[in-house]
Amino acid sequence: MSQTTPTARVCRDCDGFATATITTGLRTIDGTRNTIRVHCPSCRGLGRTAPTALVRAGK
């Protein structure tokens, strides 16, 4: 019998891509682009979510 490995639950809002880097259109003094990092609000940048039972229990 084969055994399955438990997998982490992927965030349904960001599909596991929790952080995006966006350019602002401006450049810094040394000529590189100015960027900001934006995190998924649902998983707070983790890319995975806790099982619903744990969220309801407050753990």
Protein backbone atom coordinates (compact mmCIF):
# COMPACT_ATOMS: atom_id res chain seq x y z
CA MET A 1 0.00 0.00 0.00
CA SER A 2 1.38 3.40 -0.89
CA GLN A 3 1.58 6.15 1.67
CA THR A 4 0.63 9.70 0.95
CA THR A 5 2.48 12.68 2.29
CA PRO A 6 0.44 15.52 3.75
CA THR A 7 0.72 18.69 1.73
CA ALA A 8 0.35 22.24 2.93
CA ARG A 9 -2.94 23.89 2.07
CA VAL A 10 -2.34 26.45 -0.67
CA CYS A 11 -4.03 29.83 -0.24
CA ARG A 12 -7.11 30.02 -2.45
CA ASP A 13 -6.69 33.75 -3.10
CA CYS A 14 -3.07 33.89 -4.25
CA ASP A 15 -2.63 30.24 -5.30
CA GLY A 16 0.67 30.03 -3.42
CA PHE A 17 2.23 33.15 -4.96
CA ALA A 18 1.93 35.21 -1.79
CA THR A 19 4.29 38.10 -2.53
CA ALA A 20 4.53 40.28 -5.61
CA THR A 21 7.15 42.92 -6.40
CA ILE A 22 5.77 45.94 -8.21
CA THR A 23 7.77 48.74 -9.78
CA THR A 24 6.64 52.26 -8.98
CA GLY A 25 7.97 53.74 -12.22
CA LEU A 26 10.58 55.76 -10.39
CA ARG A 27 14.32 55.21 -10.24
CA THR A 28 16.69 55.45 -7.31
CA ILE A 29 19.84 57.59 -7.30
CA ASP A 30 22.00 54.71 -8.58
CA GLY A 31 19.62 54.08 -11.52
CA THR A 32 17.84 50.94 -10.33
CA ARG A 33 14.06 50.76 -10.29
CA ASN A 34 12.18 51.58 -7.11
CA THR A 35 10.02 48.60 -6.11
CA ILE A 36 7.55 47.73 -3.39
CA ARG A 37 6.57 44.31 -2.09
CA VAL A 38 2.90 43.46 -1.72
CA HIS A 39 1.68 40.49 0.33
CA CYS A 40 -1.55 38.56 -0.04
CA PRO A 41 -3.99 39.84 2.62
CA SER A 42 -5.58 36.42 3.17
CA CYS A 43 -2.47 34.42 4.04
CA ARG A 44 -0.29 37.41 5.05
CA GLY A 45 2.46 36.47 2.63
CA LEU A 46 2.83 32.82 3.61
CA GLY A 47 1.29 31.20 0.53
CA ARG A 48 -0.63 28.69 2.58
CA THR A 49 -3.59 28.75 4.89
CA ALA A 50 -4.45 26.97 8.11
CA PRO A 51 -7.18 24.32 8.06
CA THR A 52 -10.60 25.77 8.79
CA ALA A 53 -11.00 23.73 11.98
CA LEU A 54 -7.92 25.35 13.51
CA VAL A 55 -9.03 28.84 12.51
CA ARG A 56 -12.42 28.36 14.14
CA ALA A 57 -10.83 26.94 17.29
CA GLY A 58 -8.59 29.98 17.54
CA LYS A 59 -5.32 28.05 17.46
